[in-house]
PDB file of N, CA and C in Angstrom:
ATOM      1  N   MET A   1       0.833  -1.156   0.028  1.00  0.00           N
ATOM      2  CA  MET A   1      -0.036   0.015   0.079  1.00  0.00           C
ATOM      3  C   MET A   1       0.889   1.219  -0.036  1.00  0.00           C
ATOM      4  N   SER A   2       0.558   2.269  -0.829  1.00  0.00           N
ATOM      5  CA  SER A   2       1.329   3.446  -0.877  1.00  0.00           C
ATOM      6  C   SER A   2       0.540   4.535  -0.220  1.00  0.00           C
ATOM      7  N   ARG A   3       1.248   5.593   0.202  1.00  0.00           N
ATOM      8  CA  ARG A   3       0.638   6.783   0.839  1.00  0.00           C
ATOM      9  C   ARG A   3       1.083   7.976   0.133  1.00  0.00           C
ATOM     10  N   HIS A   4       0.189   8.949   0.037  1.00  0.00           N
ATOM     11  CA  HIS A   4       0.533  10.262  -0.513  1.00  0.00           C
ATOM     12  C   HIS A   4       0.858  11.186   0.681  1.00  0.00           C
ATOM     13  N   PHE A   5       2.050  11.916   0.619  1.00  0.00           N
ATOM     14  CA  PHE A   5       2.380  12.816   1.575  1.00  0.00           C
ATOM     15  C   PHE A   5       3.155  13.966   1.097  1.00  0.00           C
ATOM     16  N   GLN A   6       3.053  15.138   1.790  1.00  0.00           N
ATOM     17  CA  GLN A   6       3.817  16.307   1.447  1.00  0.00           C
ATOM     18  C   GLN A   6       4.596  16.715   2.589  1.00  0.00           C
ATOM     19  N   VAL A   7       5.902  17.104   2.383  1.00  0.00           N
ATOM     20  CA  VAL A   7       6.727  17.572   3.499  1.00  0.00           C
ATOM     21  C   VAL A   7       6.774  19.037   3.456  1.00  0.00           C
ATOM     22  N   THR A   8       6.494  19.688   4.580  1.00  0.00           N
ATOM     23  CA  THR A   8       6.468  21.192   4.699  1.00  0.00           C
ATOM     24  C   THR A   8       7.398  21.541   5.758  1.00  0.00           C
ATOM     25  N   PHE A   9       8.221  22.484   5.644  1.00  0.00           N
ATOM     26  CA  PHE A   9       9.132  23.102   6.648  1.00  0.00           C
ATOM     27  C   PHE A   9       8.781  24.510   6.868  1.00  0.00           C
ATOM     28  N   ASP A  10       8.712  24.950   8.145  1.00  0.00           N
ATOM     29  CA  ASP A  10       8.593  26.363   8.473  1.00  0.00           C
ATOM     30  C   ASP A  10       9.966  26.918   8.521  1.00  0.00           C
ATOM     31  N   ALA A  11      10.316  27.972   7.703  1.00  0.00           N
ATOM     32  CA  ALA A  11      11.641  28.490   7.609  1.00  0.00           C
ATOM     33  C   ALA A  11      11.680  30.015   7.536  1.00  0.00           C
ATOM     34  N   ARG A  12      12.698  30.529   8.192  1.00  0.00           N
ATOM     35  CA  ARG A  12      12.905  31.922   8.218  1.00  0.00           C
ATOM     36  C   ARG A  12      13.313  32.386   6.804  1.00  0.00           C
ATOM     37  N   ASP A  13      14.100  31.531   6.092  1.00  0.00           N
ATOM     38  CA  ASP A  13      14.524  31.870   4.761  1.00  0.00           C
ATOM     39  C   ASP A  13      14.289  30.699   3.900  1.00  0.00           C
ATOM     40  N   PRO A  14      13.028  30.521   3.366  1.00  0.00           N
ATOM     41  CA  PRO A  14      12.749  29.349   2.523  1.00  0.00           C
ATOM     42  C   PRO A  14      13.644  29.138   1.276  1.00  0.00           C
ATOM     43  N   LYS A  15      14.046  30.265   0.613  1.00  0.00           N
ATOM     44  CA  LYS A  15      14.905  30.060  -0.529  1.00  0.00           C
ATOM     45  C   LYS A  15      16.241  29.396  -0.180  1.00  0.00           C
ATOM     46  N   ALA A  16      16.819  29.818   1.016  1.00  0.00           N
ATOM     47  CA  ALA A  16      18.074  29.280   1.437  1.00  0.00           C
ATOM     48  C   ALA A  16      17.988  27.833   1.923  1.00  0.00           C
ATOM     49  N   LEU A  17      16.876  27.475   2.602  1.00  0.00           N
ATOM     50  CA  LEU A  17      16.616  26.133   2.983  1.00  0.00           C
ATOM     51  C   LEU A  17      16.304  25.301   1.674  1.00  0.00           C
ATOM     52  N   ALA A  18      15.624  25.708   0.727  1.00  0.00           N
ATOM     53  CA  ALA A  18      15.251  25.034  -0.520  1.00  0.00           C
ATOM     54  C   ALA A  18      16.603  24.711  -1.229  1.00  0.00           C
ATOM     55  N   SER A  19      17.533  25.685  -1.264  1.00  0.00           N
ATOM     56  CA  SER A  19      18.771  25.568  -1.937  1.00  0.00           C
ATOM     57  C   SER A  19      19.570  24.413  -1.261  1.00  0.00           C
ATOM     58  N   PHE A  20      19.564  24.296   0.088  1.00  0.00           N
ATOM     59  CA  PHE A  20      20.291  23.240   0.726  1.00  0.00           C
ATOM     60  C   PHE A  20      19.585  21.857   0.360  1.00  0.00           C
ATOM     61  N   TRP A  21      18.370  21.786   0.458  1.00  0.00           N
ATOM     62  CA  TRP A  21      17.638  20.540   0.119  1.00  0.00           C
ATOM     63  C   TRP A  21      17.821  20.218  -1.402  1.00  0.00           C
ATOM     64  N   ARG A  22      17.864  21.229  -2.186  1.00  0.00           N
ATOM     65  CA  ARG A  22      18.087  20.958  -3.692  1.00  0.00           C
ATOM     66  C   ARG A  22      19.429  20.177  -3.871  1.00  0.00           C
ATOM     67  N   GLU A  23      20.430  20.705  -3.192  1.00  0.00           N
ATOM     68  CA  GLU A  23      21.835  19.970  -3.274  1.00  0.00           C
ATOM     69  C   GLU A  23      21.762  18.663  -2.688  1.00  0.00           C
ATOM     70  N   ALA A  24      21.108  18.535  -1.503  1.00  0.00           N
ATOM     71  CA  ALA A  24      21.132  17.312  -0.710  1.00  0.00           C
ATOM     72  C   ALA A  24      20.295  16.212  -1.579  1.00  0.00           C
ATOM     73  N   LEU A  25      19.171  16.601  -2.162  1.00  0.00           N
ATOM     74  CA  LEU A  25      18.310  15.576  -2.825  1.00  0.00           C
ATOM     75  C   LEU A  25      18.472  15.539  -4.343  1.00  0.00           C
ATOM     76  N   GLY A  26      19.136  16.498  -4.900  1.00  0.00           N
ATOM     77  CA  GLY A  26      19.343  16.517  -6.417  1.00  0.00           C
ATOM     78  C   GLY A  26      18.008  16.910  -7.050  1.00  0.00           C
ATOM     79  N   TYR A  27      17.136  17.656  -6.328  1.00  0.00           N
ATOM     80  CA  TYR A  27      15.863  18.122  -6.835  1.00  0.00           C
ATOM     81  C   TYR A  27      16.164  19.513  -7.592  1.00  0.00           C
ATOM     82  N   VAL A  28      15.171  20.072  -8.307  1.00  0.00           N
ATOM     83  CA  VAL A  28      15.262  21.302  -8.993  1.00  0.00           C
ATOM     84  C   VAL A  28      14.155  22.272  -8.562  1.00  0.00           C
ATOM     85  N   PHE A  29      14.413  23.624  -8.729  1.00  0.00           N
ATOM     86  CA  PHE A  29      13.405  24.544  -8.553  1.00  0.00           C
ATOM     87  C   PHE A  29      12.395  24.519  -9.850  1.00  0.00           C
ATOM     88  N   PRO A  30      11.073  24.500  -9.538  1.00  0.00           N
ATOM     89  CA  PRO A  30      10.224  24.449 -10.705  1.00  0.00           C
ATOM     90  C   PRO A  30      10.183  25.829 -11.361  1.00  0.00           C
ATOM     91  N   SER A  31       9.673  25.794 -12.609  1.00  0.00           N
ATOM     92  CA  SER A  31       9.440  27.042 -13.401  1.00  0.00           C
ATOM     93  C   SER A  31       8.154  27.701 -12.884  1.00  0.00           C
ATOM     94  N   PRO A  32       8.029  29.006 -12.956  1.00  0.00           N
ATOM     95  CA  PRO A  32       6.740  29.623 -12.698  1.00  0.00           C
ATOM     96  C   PRO A  32       5.653  29.112 -13.591  1.00  0.00           C
ATOM     97  N   PRO A  33       4.386  29.200 -13.160  1.00  0.00           N
ATOM     98  CA  PRO A  33       3.227  28.694 -14.024  1.00  0.00           C
ATOM     99  C   PRO A  33       3.333  29.391 -15.378  1.00  0.00           C
ATOM    100  N   GLY A  34       3.235  28.557 -16.496  1.00  0.00           N
ATOM    101  CA  GLY A  34       3.166  29.027 -17.838  1.00  0.00           C
ATOM    102  C   GLY A  34       4.475  29.562 -18.389  1.00  0.00           C
ATOM    103  N   VAL A  35       5.597  29.364 -17.721  1.00  0.00           N
ATOM    104  CA  VAL A  35       6.852  29.781 -18.195  1.00  0.00           C
ATOM    105  C   VAL A  35       7.737  28.536 -18.533  1.00  0.00           C
ATOM    106  N   ASP A  36       8.206  28.563 -19.734  1.00  0.00           N
ATOM    107  CA  ASP A  36       9.056  27.438 -20.241  1.00  0.00           C
ATOM    108  C   ASP A  36      10.481  28.076 -20.268  1.00  0.00           C
ATOM    109  N   LEU A  37      11.330  27.581 -19.336  1.00  0.00           N
ATOM    110  CA  LEU A  37      12.750  28.097 -19.157  1.00  0.00           C
ATOM    111  C   LEU A  37      13.669  27.389 -20.110  1.00  0.00           C
ATOM    112  N   PRO A  38      14.451  28.157 -20.796  1.00  0.00           N
ATOM    113  CA  PRO A  38      15.440  27.462 -21.620  1.00  0.00           C
ATOM    114  C   PRO A  38      16.527  26.726 -20.753  1.00  0.00           C
ATOM    115  N   GLU A  39      17.082  25.716 -21.267  1.00  0.00           N
ATOM    116  CA  GLU A  39      18.117  24.998 -20.441  1.00  0.00           C
ATOM    117  C   GLU A  39      19.154  25.940 -19.974  1.00  0.00           C
ATOM    118  N   GLY A  40      19.499  25.867 -18.678  1.00  0.00           N
ATOM    119  CA  GLY A  40      20.560  26.635 -18.062  1.00  0.00           C
ATOM    120  C   GLY A  40      19.993  27.933 -17.486  1.00  0.00           C
ATOM    121  N   ALA A  41      18.755  28.286 -17.750  1.00  0.00           N
ATOM    122  CA  ALA A  41      18.140  29.519 -17.254  1.00  0.00           C
ATOM    123  C   ALA A  41      17.988  29.416 -15.670  1.00  0.00           C
ATOM    124  N   ASP A  42      18.094  30.474 -15.009  1.00  0.00           N
ATOM    125  CA  ASP A  42      17.893  30.600 -13.547  1.00  0.00           C
ATOM    126  C   ASP A  42      16.411  30.574 -13.196  1.00  0.00           C
ATOM    127  N   PRO A  43      15.892  29.500 -12.543  1.00  0.00           N
ATOM    128  CA  PRO A  43      14.509  29.514 -12.218  1.00  0.00           C
ATOM    129  C   PRO A  43      14.208  30.480 -11.180  1.00  0.00           C
ATOM    130  N   LEU A  44      15.083  30.722 -10.175  1.00  0.00           N
ATOM    131  CA  LEU A  44      14.799  31.752  -9.286  1.00  0.00           C
ATOM    132  C   LEU A  44      14.680  33.180  -9.779  1.00  0.00           C
ATOM    133  N   ALA A  45      15.448  33.493 -10.707  1.00  0.00           N
ATOM    134  CA  ALA A  45      15.310  34.822 -11.443  1.00  0.00           C
ATOM    135  C   ALA A  45      13.949  34.828 -12.127  1.00  0.00           C
ATOM    136  N   ALA A  46      13.585  33.788 -12.776  1.00  0.00           N
ATOM    137  CA  ALA A  46      12.293  33.697 -13.464  1.00  0.00           C
ATOM    138  C   ALA A  46      11.124  33.931 -12.473  1.00  0.00           C
ATOM    139  N   TRP A  47      11.197  33.314 -11.288  1.00  0.00           N
ATOM    140  CA  TRP A  47      10.278  33.537 -10.245  1.00  0.00           C
ATOM    141  C   TRP A  47      10.218  35.006  -9.763  1.00  0.00           C
ATOM    142  N   ASP A  48      11.363  35.548  -9.630  1.00  0.00           N
ATOM    143  CA  ASP A  48      11.410  37.021  -9.239  1.00  0.00           C
ATOM    144  C   ASP A  48      10.591  37.873 -10.352  1.00  0.00           C
ATOM    145  N   ASP A  49      10.943  37.622 -11.577  1.00  0.00           N
ATOM    146  CA  ASP A  49      10.249  38.354 -12.666  1.00  0.00           C
ATOM    147  C   ASP A  49       8.747  38.016 -12.662  1.00  0.00           C
ATOM    148  N   PHE A  50       8.340  36.833 -12.467  1.00  0.00           N
ATOM    149  CA  PHE A  50       7.023  36.411 -12.518  1.00  0.00           C
ATOM    150  C   PHE A  50       6.275  37.066 -11.363  1.00  0.00           C
ATOM    151  N   LEU A  51       6.797  37.042 -10.112  1.00  0.00           N
ATOM    152  CA  LEU A  51       6.146  37.706  -8.997  1.00  0.00           C
ATOM    153  C   LEU A  51       6.006  39.186  -9.097  1.00  0.00           C
ATOM    154  N   ALA A  52       7.063  39.699  -9.707  1.00  0.00           N
ATOM    155  CA  ALA A  52       7.016  41.248  -9.866  1.00  0.00           C
ATOM    156  C   ALA A  52       5.897  41.621 -10.902  1.00  0.00           C
ATOM    157  N   ARG A  53       5.742  40.782 -11.944  1.00  0.00           N
ATOM    158  CA  ARG A  53       4.683  41.013 -12.902  1.00  0.00           C
ATOM    159  C   ARG A  53       3.303  40.775 -12.318  1.00  0.00           C
ATOM    160  N   ALA A  54       3.292  39.859 -11.420  1.00  0.00           N
ATOM    161  CA  ALA A  54       2.022  39.607 -10.707  1.00  0.00           C
ATOM    162  C   ALA A  54       1.671  40.638  -9.636  1.00  0.00           C
ATOM    163  N   GLY A  55       2.604  41.527  -9.304  1.00  0.00           N
ATOM    164  CA  GLY A  55       2.307  42.614  -8.370  1.00  0.00           C
ATOM    165  C   GLY A  55       2.548  42.108  -6.873  1.00  0.00           C
ATOM    166  N   VAL A  56       3.253  41.072  -6.671  1.00  0.00           N
ATOM    167  CA  VAL A  56       3.589  40.619  -5.243  1.00  0.00           C
ATOM    168  C   VAL A  56       4.731  41.525  -4.837  1.00  0.00           C
ATOM    169  N   PRO A  57       4.487  42.177  -3.580  1.00  0.00           N
ATOM    170  CA  PRO A  57       5.500  43.035  -3.067  1.00  0.00           C
ATOM    171  C   PRO A  57       6.777  42.328  -2.818  1.00  0.00           C
ATOM    172  N   GLU A  58       7.960  43.024  -3.013  1.00  0.00           N
ATOM    173  CA  GLU A  58       9.253  42.334  -2.896  1.00  0.00           C
ATOM    174  C   GLU A  58       9.459  41.699  -1.588  1.00  0.00           C
ATOM    175  N   GLU A  59       9.014  42.327  -0.539  1.00  0.00           N
ATOM    176  CA  GLU A  59       9.210  41.719   0.846  1.00  0.00           C
ATOM    177  C   GLU A  59       8.448  40.443   1.032  1.00  0.00           C
ATOM    178  N   GLU A  60       7.535  40.087   0.211  1.00  0.00           N
ATOM    179  CA  GLU A  60       6.768  38.886   0.366  1.00  0.00           C
ATOM    180  C   GLU A  60       7.270  37.760  -0.633  1.00  0.00           C
ATOM    181  N   ARG A  61       8.186  38.112  -1.531  1.00  0.00           N
ATOM    182  CA  ARG A  61       8.566  37.154  -2.594  1.00  0.00           C
ATOM    183  C   ARG A  61       9.451  35.894  -2.073  1.00  0.00           C
ATOM    184  N   ASP A  62       9.971  36.038  -0.932  1.00  0.00           N
ATOM    185  CA  ASP A  62      10.714  34.938  -0.351  1.00  0.00           C
ATOM    186  C   ASP A  62      10.030  34.361   0.812  1.00  0.00           C
ATOM    187  N   SER A  63       8.744  34.261   0.773  1.00  0.00           N
ATOM    188  CA  SER A  63       7.928  33.681   1.875  1.00  0.00           C
ATOM    189  C   SER A  63       7.662  32.180   1.711  1.00  0.00           C
ATOM    190  N   ARG A  64       8.035  31.513   0.593  1.00  0.00           N
ATOM    191  CA  ARG A  64       7.901  30.227   0.383  1.00  0.00           C
ATOM    192  C   ARG A  64       8.727  29.702  -0.818  1.00  0.00           C
ATOM    193  N   SER A  65       9.012  28.468  -0.926  1.00  0.00           N
ATOM    194  CA  SER A  65       9.674  27.919  -1.988  1.00  0.00           C
ATOM    195  C   SER A  65       9.294  26.389  -2.160  1.00  0.00           C
ATOM    196  N   ALA A  66       9.699  25.808  -3.285  1.00  0.00           N
ATOM    197  CA  ALA A  66       9.325  24.475  -3.561  1.00  0.00           C
ATOM    198  C   ALA A  66      10.407  23.789  -4.471  1.00  0.00           C
ATOM    199  N   LEU A  67      10.403  22.556  -4.396  1.00  0.00           N
ATOM    200  CA  LEU A  67      11.419  21.708  -5.284  1.00  0.00           C
ATOM    201  C   LEU A  67      10.616  20.578  -5.906  1.00  0.00           C
ATOM    202  N   GLU A  68      11.166  20.185  -7.025  1.00  0.00           N
ATOM    203  CA  GLU A  68      10.582  19.046  -7.741  1.00  0.00           C
ATOM    204  C   GLU A  68      11.632  17.985  -7.995  1.00  0.00           C
ATOM    205  N   ASP A  69      11.307  16.798  -8.166  1.00  0.00           N
ATOM    206  CA  ASP A  69      12.089  15.696  -8.627  1.00  0.00           C
ATOM    207  C   ASP A  69      12.396  15.969 -10.038  1.00  0.00           C
ATOM    208  N   PRO A  70      13.599  16.063 -10.502  1.00  0.00           N
ATOM    209  CA  PRO A  70      13.903  16.198 -12.037  1.00  0.00           C
ATOM    210  C   PRO A  70      13.480  15.060 -12.914  1.00  0.00           C
ATOM    211  N   ASP A  71      13.233  13.897 -12.222  1.00  0.00           N
ATOM    212  CA  ASP A  71      12.745  12.760 -13.028  1.00  0.00           C
ATOM    213  C   ASP A  71      11.274  12.736 -13.131  1.00  0.00           C
ATOM    214  N   GLY A  72      10.567  13.785 -12.668  1.00  0.00           N
ATOM    215  CA  GLY A  72       9.113  13.822 -12.797  1.00  0.00           C
ATOM    216  C   GLY A  72       8.385  13.548 -11.514  1.00  0.00           C
ATOM    217  N   PRO A  73       7.173  13.422 -11.499  1.00  0.00           N
ATOM    218  CA  PRO A  73       6.305  13.217 -10.287  1.00  0.00           C
ATOM    219  C   PRO A  73       6.731  11.905  -9.689  1.00  0.00           C
ATOM    220  N   ASP A  74       6.792  11.858  -8.383  1.00  0.00           N
ATOM    221  CA  ASP A  74       6.986  10.707  -7.652  1.00  0.00           C
ATOM    222  C   ASP A  74       5.759   9.750  -7.836  1.00  0.00           C
ATOM    223  N   PRO A  75       5.955   8.530  -8.154  1.00  0.00           N
ATOM    224  CA  PRO A  75       4.878   7.577  -8.378  1.00  0.00           C
ATOM    225  C   PRO A  75       3.884   7.566  -7.128  1.00  0.00           C
ATOM    226  N   GLU A  76       4.321   7.879  -5.964  1.00  0.00           N
ATOM    227  CA  GLU A  76       3.453   7.931  -4.858  1.00  0.00           C
ATOM    228  C   GLU A  76       2.911   9.263  -4.544  1.00  0.00           C
ATOM    229  N   GLY A  77       3.231  10.304  -5.368  1.00  0.00           N
ATOM    230  CA  GLY A  77       2.704  11.675  -5.266  1.00  0.00           C
ATOM    231  C   GLY A  77       3.313  12.450  -4.252  1.00  0.00           C
ATOM    232  N   ASN A  78       4.612  12.202  -3.816  1.00  0.00           N
ATOM    233  CA  ASN A  78       5.247  12.959  -2.703  1.00  0.00           C
ATOM    234  C   ASN A  78       5.679  14.322  -3.270  1.00  0.00           C
ATOM    235  N   GLU A  79       5.601  15.273  -2.357  1.00  0.00           N
ATOM    236  CA  GLU A  79       6.042  16.676  -2.787  1.00  0.00           C
ATOM    237  C   GLU A  79       6.916  17.221  -1.682  1.00  0.00           C
ATOM    238  N   PHE A  80       7.710  18.273  -1.978  1.00  0.00           N
ATOM    239  CA  PHE A  80       8.617  18.825  -0.962  1.00  0.00           C
ATOM    240  C   PHE A  80       8.464  20.380  -1.066  1.00  0.00           C
ATOM    241  N   CYS A  81       7.792  20.892  -0.054  1.00  0.00           N
ATOM    242  CA  CYS A  81       7.533  22.386  -0.041  1.00  0.00           C
ATOM    243  C   CYS A  81       8.084  23.069   1.250  1.00  0.00           C
ATOM    244  N   LEU A  82       8.380  24.330   1.059  1.00  0.00           N
ATOM    245  CA  LEU A  82       9.026  25.055   2.305  1.00  0.00           C
ATOM    246  C   LEU A  82       8.284  26.279   2.423  1.00  0.00           C
ATOM    247  N   ASP A  83       7.781  26.623   3.616  1.00  0.00           N
ATOM    248  CA  ASP A  83       7.124  27.839   3.912  1.00  0.00           C
ATOM    249  C   ASP A  83       7.837  28.555   4.983  1.00  0.00           C
TER     250      ASP A  83
END
């Protein structure tokens, strides 16, 4: 039997914590919705641009982060999010 779960951490600096776990797990930062990043592009810079265009105040832009498995969705539906 498999279980679906999501791991969430409360963090003072979600982007820094996500960067640590990215290195530890080999995960990647996802692209913003509707944005296809060219290979080698910086997804964090793309998120900054996306959030600025969406009108999110700069002081709120590092309030959460997320990572994805580069091999695609986990067959059990696991996710890794940082708030």
